[in-house]
Amino acid sequence: MLKYDLERALPLLVGVWGDFAGGFWGVHGFSVDQDGNFYTAEVDSGRVQKFRPRAGANPAYLVGKPVYSAWK
């Protein structure tokens, strides 16, 4: 997983290839919820993984931004 800023710099590289917890194997989709949790859906391993931000994580490095949700 790569995250670029608006100047096309690469400030963040996350993950390694593999079918173990935390590894990625055939990521087909990803999403972020209103709490900043990051989800991946993998084709080859047939699983979904959830990644939570560490306590006190810098919001500038989170993939999604907090949004208002009526579901919460």
PDB file of N, CA and C in Angstrom:
ATOM      1  N   MET A   1       0.846  -1.167   0.000  1.00  0.00           N
ATOM      2  CA  MET A   1       0.000   0.000   0.000  1.00  0.00           C
ATOM      3  C   MET A   1       0.889   1.227   0.000  1.00  0.00           C
ATOM      4  N   LEU A   2       0.582   2.155  -0.862  1.00  0.00           N
ATOM      5  CA  LEU A   2       1.334   3.390  -0.968  1.00  0.00           C
ATOM      6  C   LEU A   2       0.399   4.568  -0.771  1.00  0.00           C
ATOM      7  N   LYS A   3       0.864   5.595  -0.078  1.00  0.00           N
ATOM      8  CA  LYS A   3       0.084   6.825   0.082  1.00  0.00           C
ATOM      9  C   LYS A   3       0.933   7.983  -0.417  1.00  0.00           C
ATOM     10  N   TYR A   4       0.411   8.714  -1.395  1.00  0.00           N
ATOM     11  CA  TYR A   4       1.099   9.866  -1.947  1.00  0.00           C
ATOM     12  C   TYR A   4       0.440  11.143  -1.444  1.00  0.00           C
ATOM     13  N   ASP A   5       1.231  12.224  -1.338  1.00  0.00           N
ATOM     14  CA  ASP A   5       0.635  13.511  -1.009  1.00  0.00           C
ATOM     15  C   ASP A   5       0.309  14.233  -2.319  1.00  0.00           C
ATOM     16  N   LEU A   6      -0.200  15.456  -2.231  1.00  0.00           N
ATOM     17  CA  LEU A   6      -0.628  16.187  -3.430  1.00  0.00           C
ATOM     18  C   LEU A   6       0.537  16.552  -4.353  1.00  0.00           C
ATOM     19  N   GLU A   7       1.754  16.553  -3.852  1.00  0.00           N
ATOM     20  CA  GLU A   7       2.925  16.837  -4.679  1.00  0.00           C
ATOM     21  C   GLU A   7       3.533  15.557  -5.237  1.00  0.00           C
ATOM     22  N   ARG A   8       2.825  14.455  -5.100  1.00  0.00           N
ATOM     23  CA  ARG A   8       3.237  13.134  -5.595  1.00  0.00           C
ATOM     24  C   ARG A   8       4.459  12.582  -4.876  1.00  0.00           C
ATOM     25  N   ALA A   9       4.707  13.075  -3.686  1.00  0.00           N
ATOM     26  CA  ALA A   9       5.774  12.499  -2.868  1.00  0.00           C
ATOM     27  C   ALA A   9       5.216  11.255  -2.175  1.00  0.00           C
ATOM     28  N   LEU A  10       6.075  10.348  -1.828  1.00  0.00           N
ATOM     29  CA  LEU A  10       5.667   9.105  -1.189  1.00  0.00           C
ATOM     30  C   LEU A  10       6.013   9.165   0.297  1.00  0.00           C
ATOM     31  N   PRO A  11       5.077   9.690   1.128  1.00  0.00           N
ATOM     32  CA  PRO A  11       5.392   9.810   2.552  1.00  0.00           C
ATOM     33  C   PRO A  11       5.140   8.535   3.355  1.00  0.00           C
ATOM     34  N   LEU A  12       4.427   7.566   2.784  1.00  0.00           N
ATOM     35  CA  LEU A  12       4.046   6.406   3.583  1.00  0.00           C
ATOM     36  C   LEU A  12       3.984   5.148   2.731  1.00  0.00           C
ATOM     37  N   LEU A  13       4.618   4.095   3.203  1.00  0.00           N
ATOM     38  CA  LEU A  13       4.580   2.774   2.587  1.00  0.00           C
ATOM     39  C   LEU A  13       4.185   1.800   3.682  1.00  0.00           C
ATOM     40  N   VAL A  14       3.111   1.036   3.454  1.00  0.00           N
ATOM     41  CA  VAL A  14       2.579   0.154   4.492  1.00  0.00           C
ATOM     42  C   VAL A  14       2.465  -1.263   3.967  1.00  0.00           C
ATOM     43  N   GLY A  15       2.932  -2.217   4.769  1.00  0.00           N
ATOM     44  CA  GLY A  15       2.661  -3.612   4.488  1.00  0.00           C
ATOM     45  C   GLY A  15       3.720  -4.345   3.702  1.00  0.00           C
ATOM     46  N   VAL A  16       3.568  -5.654   3.709  1.00  0.00           N
ATOM     47  CA  VAL A  16       4.430  -6.566   2.962  1.00  0.00           C
ATOM     48  C   VAL A  16       3.545  -7.635   2.329  1.00  0.00           C
ATOM     49  N   TRP A  17       4.084  -8.338   1.336  1.00  0.00           N
ATOM     50  CA  TRP A  17       3.341  -9.401   0.679  1.00  0.00           C
ATOM     51  C   TRP A  17       3.327 -10.620   1.586  1.00  0.00           C
ATOM     52  N   GLY A  18       2.168 -11.259   1.730  1.00  0.00           N
ATOM     53  CA  GLY A  18       2.076 -12.485   2.505  1.00  0.00           C
ATOM     54  C   GLY A  18       0.651 -12.788   2.913  1.00  0.00           C
ATOM     55  N   ASP A  19       0.418 -14.045   3.314  1.00  0.00           N
ATOM     56  CA  ASP A  19      -0.924 -14.454   3.726  1.00  0.00           C
ATOM     57  C   ASP A  19      -1.055 -14.562   5.244  1.00  0.00           C
ATOM     58  N   PHE A  20      -0.161 -13.922   5.976  1.00  0.00           N
ATOM     59  CA  PHE A  20      -0.202 -13.890   7.440  1.00  0.00           C
ATOM     60  C   PHE A  20      -0.878 -12.597   7.892  1.00  0.00           C
ATOM     61  N   ALA A  21      -1.241 -12.528   9.159  1.00  0.00           N
ATOM     62  CA  ALA A  21      -1.897 -11.328   9.691  1.00  0.00           C
ATOM     63  C   ALA A  21      -1.004 -10.112   9.489  1.00  0.00           C
ATOM     64  N   GLY A  22      -1.565  -9.086   8.862  1.00  0.00           N
ATOM     65  CA  GLY A  22      -0.823  -7.867   8.579  1.00  0.00           C
ATOM     66  C   GLY A  22      -0.173  -7.855   7.210  1.00  0.00           C
ATOM     67  N   GLY A  23      -0.039  -9.021   6.590  1.00  0.00           N
ATOM     68  CA  GLY A  23       0.499  -9.089   5.236  1.00  0.00           C
ATOM     69  C   GLY A  23      -0.630  -8.914   4.227  1.00  0.00           C
ATOM     70  N   PHE A  24      -0.272  -8.616   2.993  1.00  0.00           N
ATOM     71  CA  PHE A  24      -1.274  -8.429   1.939  1.00  0.00           C
ATOM     72  C   PHE A  24      -1.049  -9.455   0.830  1.00  0.00           C
ATOM     73  N   TRP A  25      -2.143 -10.074   0.390  1.00  0.00           N
ATOM     74  CA  TRP A  25      -2.055 -11.060  -0.674  1.00  0.00           C
ATOM     75  C   TRP A  25      -3.259 -10.898  -1.592  1.00  0.00           C
ATOM     76  N   GLY A  26      -3.085 -10.160  -2.664  1.00  0.00           N
ATOM     77  CA  GLY A  26      -4.151  -9.962  -3.633  1.00  0.00           C
ATOM     78  C   GLY A  26      -5.214  -8.983  -3.173  1.00  0.00           C
ATOM     79  N   VAL A  27      -4.796  -7.829  -2.648  1.00  0.00           N
ATOM     80  CA  VAL A  27      -5.773  -6.825  -2.212  1.00  0.00           C
ATOM     81  C   VAL A  27      -6.590  -6.379  -3.425  1.00  0.00           C
ATOM     82  N   HIS A  28      -7.890  -6.470  -3.286  1.00  0.00           N
ATOM     83  CA  HIS A  28      -8.802  -6.125  -4.369  1.00  0.00           C
ATOM     84  C   HIS A  28      -9.584  -4.848  -4.055  1.00  0.00           C
ATOM     85  N   GLY A  29      -9.716  -4.532  -2.774  1.00  0.00           N
ATOM     86  CA  GLY A  29     -10.441  -3.326  -2.389  1.00  0.00           C
ATOM     87  C   GLY A  29     -10.039  -2.895  -0.999  1.00  0.00           C
ATOM     88  N   PHE A  30     -10.305  -1.636  -0.698  1.00  0.00           N
ATOM     89  CA  PHE A  30     -10.039  -1.134   0.643  1.00  0.00           C
ATOM     90  C   PHE A  30     -11.000  -0.009   0.955  1.00  0.00           C
ATOM     91  N   SER A  31     -11.163   0.261   2.241  1.00  0.00           N
ATOM     92  CA  SER A  31     -12.093   1.298   2.684  1.00  0.00           C
ATOM     93  C   SER A  31     -11.645   1.810   4.056  1.00  0.00           C
ATOM     94  N   VAL A  32     -12.218   2.940   4.446  1.00  0.00           N
ATOM     95  CA  VAL A  32     -11.936   3.557   5.734  1.00  0.00           C
ATOM     96  C   VAL A  32     -13.269   3.917   6.373  1.00  0.00           C
ATOM     97  N   ASP A  33     -13.394   3.705   7.691  1.00  0.00           N
ATOM     98  CA  ASP A  33     -14.624   4.122   8.363  1.00  0.00           C
ATOM     99  C   ASP A  33     -14.419   5.454   9.080  1.00  0.00           C
ATOM    100  N   GLN A  34     -15.475   5.950   9.724  1.00  0.00           N
ATOM    101  CA  GLN A  34     -15.428   7.274  10.348  1.00  0.00           C
ATOM    102  C   GLN A  34     -14.501   7.334  11.557  1.00  0.00           C
ATOM    103  N   ASP A  35     -14.069   6.194  12.076  1.00  0.00           N
ATOM    104  CA  ASP A  35     -13.141   6.174  13.207  1.00  0.00           C
ATOM    105  C   ASP A  35     -11.681   6.085  12.761  1.00  0.00           C
ATOM    106  N   GLY A  36     -11.445   6.070  11.448  1.00  0.00           N
ATOM    107  CA  GLY A  36     -10.089   5.983  10.935  1.00  0.00           C
ATOM    108  C   GLY A  36      -9.579   4.574  10.775  1.00  0.00           C
ATOM    109  N   ASN A  37     -10.433   3.562  11.001  1.00  0.00           N
ATOM    110  CA  ASN A  37     -10.038   2.176  10.784  1.00  0.00           C
ATOM    111  C   ASN A  37      -9.925   1.914   9.287  1.00  0.00           C
ATOM    112  N   PHE A  38      -8.925   1.164   8.902  1.00  0.00           N
ATOM    113  CA  PHE A  38      -8.640   0.876   7.498  1.00  0.00           C
ATOM    114  C   PHE A  38      -8.917  -0.601   7.250  1.00  0.00           C
ATOM    115  N   TYR A  39      -9.694  -0.910   6.223  1.00  0.00           N
ATOM    116  CA  TYR A  39     -10.082  -2.288   5.904  1.00  0.00           C
ATOM    117  C   TYR A  39      -9.539  -2.668   4.532  1.00  0.00           C
ATOM    118  N   THR A  40      -9.045  -3.908   4.402  1.00  0.00           N
ATOM    119  CA  THR A  40      -8.643  -4.425   3.100  1.00  0.00           C
ATOM    120  C   THR A  40      -9.428  -5.696   2.804  1.00  0.00           C
ATOM    121  N   ALA A  41      -9.765  -5.896   1.552  1.00  0.00           N
ATOM    122  CA  ALA A  41     -10.418  -7.121   1.082  1.00  0.00           C
ATOM    123  C   ALA A  41      -9.450  -7.794   0.115  1.00  0.00           C
ATOM    124  N   GLU A  42      -9.142  -9.061   0.375  1.00  0.00           N
ATOM    125  CA  GLU A  42      -8.139  -9.765  -0.411  1.00  0.00           C
ATOM    126  C   GLU A  42      -8.760 -10.919  -1.197  1.00  0.00           C
ATOM    127  N   VAL A  43      -8.436 -10.983  -2.469  1.00  0.00           N
ATOM    128  CA  VAL A  43      -8.960 -12.026  -3.348  1.00  0.00           C
ATOM    129  C   VAL A  43      -8.236 -13.349  -3.118  1.00  0.00           C
ATOM    130  N   ASP A  44      -6.923 -13.330  -3.125  1.00  0.00           N
ATOM    131  CA  ASP A  44      -6.155 -14.574  -3.067  1.00  0.00           C
ATOM    132  C   ASP A  44      -6.314 -15.304  -1.735  1.00  0.00           C
ATOM    133  N   SER A  45      -6.374 -14.555  -0.622  1.00  0.00           N
ATOM    134  CA  SER A  45      -6.512 -15.209   0.680  1.00  0.00           C
ATOM    135  C   SER A  45      -7.970 -15.307   1.117  1.00  0.00           C
ATOM    136  N   GLY A  46      -8.873 -14.601   0.425  1.00  0.00           N
ATOM    137  CA  GLY A  46     -10.295 -14.660   0.757  1.00  0.00           C
ATOM    138  C   GLY A  46     -10.623 -14.092   2.128  1.00  0.00           C
ATOM    139  N   ARG A  47      -9.957 -13.037   2.515  1.00  0.00           N
ATOM    140  CA  ARG A  47     -10.190 -12.482   3.851  1.00  0.00           C
ATOM    141  C   ARG A  47     -10.308 -10.966   3.815  1.00  0.00           C
ATOM    142  N   VAL A  48     -10.761 -10.438   4.937  1.00  0.00           N
ATOM    143  CA  VAL A  48     -10.808  -9.000   5.179  1.00  0.00           C
ATOM    144  C   VAL A  48      -9.944  -8.732   6.407  1.00  0.00           C
ATOM    145  N   GLN A  49      -9.154  -7.664   6.355  1.00  0.00           N
ATOM    146  CA  GLN A  49      -8.359  -7.276   7.522  1.00  0.00           C
ATOM    147  C   GLN A  49      -8.764  -5.872   7.959  1.00  0.00           C
ATOM    148  N   LYS A  50      -8.694  -5.654   9.268  1.00  0.00           N
ATOM    149  CA  LYS A  50      -9.004  -4.354   9.836  1.00  0.00           C
ATOM    150  C   LYS A  50      -7.766  -3.837  10.559  1.00  0.00           C
ATOM    151  N   PHE A  51      -7.394  -2.611  10.254  1.00  0.00           N
ATOM    152  CA  PHE A  51      -6.247  -1.977  10.888  1.00  0.00           C
ATOM    153  C   PHE A  51      -6.731  -0.735  11.629  1.00  0.00           C
ATOM    154  N   ARG A  52      -6.413  -0.664  12.919  1.00  0.00           N
ATOM    155  CA  ARG A  52      -6.812   0.476  13.745  1.00  0.00           C
ATOM    156  C   ARG A  52      -5.638   1.421  13.900  1.00  0.00           C
ATOM    157  N   PRO A  53      -5.885   2.744  13.887  1.00  0.00           N
ATOM    158  CA  PRO A  53      -4.784   3.678  14.144  1.00  0.00           C
ATOM    159  C   PRO A  53      -4.292   3.546  15.586  1.00  0.00           C
ATOM    160  N   ARG A  54      -3.021   3.715  15.773  1.00  0.00           N
ATOM    161  CA  ARG A  54      -2.474   3.716  17.129  1.00  0.00           C
ATOM    162  C   ARG A  54      -3.002   4.915  17.889  1.00  0.00           C
ATOM    163  N   ALA A  55      -3.099   4.778  19.198  1.00  0.00           N
ATOM    164  CA  ALA A  55      -3.518   5.903  20.044  1.00  0.00           C
ATOM    165  C   ALA A  55      -2.529   7.046  19.846  1.00  0.00           C
ATOM    166  N   GLY A  56      -3.067   8.238  19.611  1.00  0.00           N
ATOM    167  CA  GLY A  56      -2.227   9.413  19.413  1.00  0.00           C
ATOM    168  C   GLY A  56      -1.607   9.520  18.035  1.00  0.00           C
ATOM    169  N   ALA A  57      -2.101   8.716  17.075  1.00  0.00           N
ATOM    170  CA  ALA A  57      -1.542   8.756  15.717  1.00  0.00           C
ATOM    171  C   ALA A  57      -1.740  10.136  15.100  1.00  0.00           C
ATOM    172  N   ASN A  58      -0.774  10.560  14.317  1.00  0.00           N
ATOM    173  CA  ASN A  58      -0.843  11.846  13.630  1.00  0.00           C
ATOM    174  C   ASN A  58      -1.942  11.776  12.568  1.00  0.00           C
ATOM    175  N   PRO A  59      -2.986  12.600  12.668  1.00  0.00           N
ATOM    176  CA  PRO A  59      -4.088  12.551  11.692  1.00  0.00           C
ATOM    177  C   PRO A  59      -3.646  12.803  10.254  1.00  0.00           C
ATOM    178  N   ALA A  60      -2.529  13.489  10.066  1.00  0.00           N
ATOM    179  CA  ALA A  60      -2.036  13.770   8.712  1.00  0.00           C
ATOM    180  C   ALA A  60      -1.620  12.489   7.996  1.00  0.00           C
ATOM    181  N   TYR A  61      -1.331  11.428   8.749  1.00  0.00           N
ATOM    182  CA  TYR A  61      -0.902  10.176   8.135  1.00  0.00           C
ATOM    183  C   TYR A  61      -2.019   9.145   8.030  1.00  0.00           C
ATOM    184  N   LEU A  62      -3.213   9.478   8.494  1.00  0.00           N
ATOM    185  CA  LEU A  62      -4.347   8.561   8.361  1.00  0.00           C
ATOM    186  C   LEU A  62      -4.881   8.621   6.942  1.00  0.00           C
ATOM    187  N   VAL A  63      -5.408   7.517   6.461  1.00  0.00           N
ATOM    188  CA  VAL A  63      -5.909   7.447   5.088  1.00  0.00           C
ATOM    189  C   VAL A  63      -7.183   8.248   4.933  1.00  0.00           C
ATOM    190  N   GLY A  64      -8.117   8.123   5.862  1.00  0.00           N
ATOM    191  CA  GLY A  64      -9.381   8.832   5.777  1.00  0.00           C
ATOM    192  C   GLY A  64      -9.455   9.966   6.776  1.00  0.00           C
ATOM    193  N   LYS A  65     -10.403  10.825   6.574  1.00  0.00           N
ATOM    194  CA  LYS A  65     -10.637  11.928   7.494  1.00  0.00           C
ATOM    195  C   LYS A  65     -11.917  11.661   8.267  1.00  0.00           C
ATOM    196  N   PRO A  66     -11.979  12.097   9.527  1.00  0.00           N
ATOM    197  CA  PRO A  66     -13.218  11.905  10.289  1.00  0.00           C
ATOM    198  C   PRO A  66     -14.393  12.607   9.609  1.00  0.00           C
ATOM    199  N   VAL A  67     -15.513  11.934   9.559  1.00  0.00           N
ATOM    200  CA  VAL A  67     -16.719  12.507   8.958  1.00  0.00           C
ATOM    201  C   VAL A  67     -17.890  12.312   9.912  1.00  0.00           C
ATOM    202  N   TYR A  68     -18.910  13.132   9.753  1.00  0.00           N
ATOM    203  CA  TYR A  68     -20.113  12.977  10.539  1.00  0.00           C
ATOM    204  C   TYR A  68     -20.887  11.782  10.004  1.00  0.00           C
ATOM    205  N   SER A  69     -21.374  10.954  10.898  1.00  0.00           N
ATOM    206  CA  SER A  69     -22.174   9.810  10.492  1.00  0.00           C
ATOM    207  C   SER A  69     -23.374   9.671  11.410  1.00  0.00           C
ATOM    208  N   ALA A  70     -24.542   9.531  10.842  1.00  0.00           N
ATOM    209  CA  ALA A  70     -25.742   9.323  11.627  1.00  0.00           C
ATOM    210  C   ALA A  70     -25.784   7.913  12.211  1.00  0.00           C
ATOM    211  N   TRP A  71     -24.924   7.020  11.746  1.00  0.00           N
ATOM    212  CA  TRP A  71     -24.934   5.623  12.182  1.00  0.00           C
ATOM    213  C   TRP A  71     -24.241   5.427  13.517  1.00  0.00           C
ATOM    214  N   LYS A  72     -23.452   6.368  13.952  1.00  0.00           N
ATOM    215  CA  LYS A  72     -22.660   6.186  15.156  1.00  0.00           C
ATOM    216  C   LYS A  72     -23.475   6.290  16.422  1.00  0.00           C
TER     217      LYS A  72
END
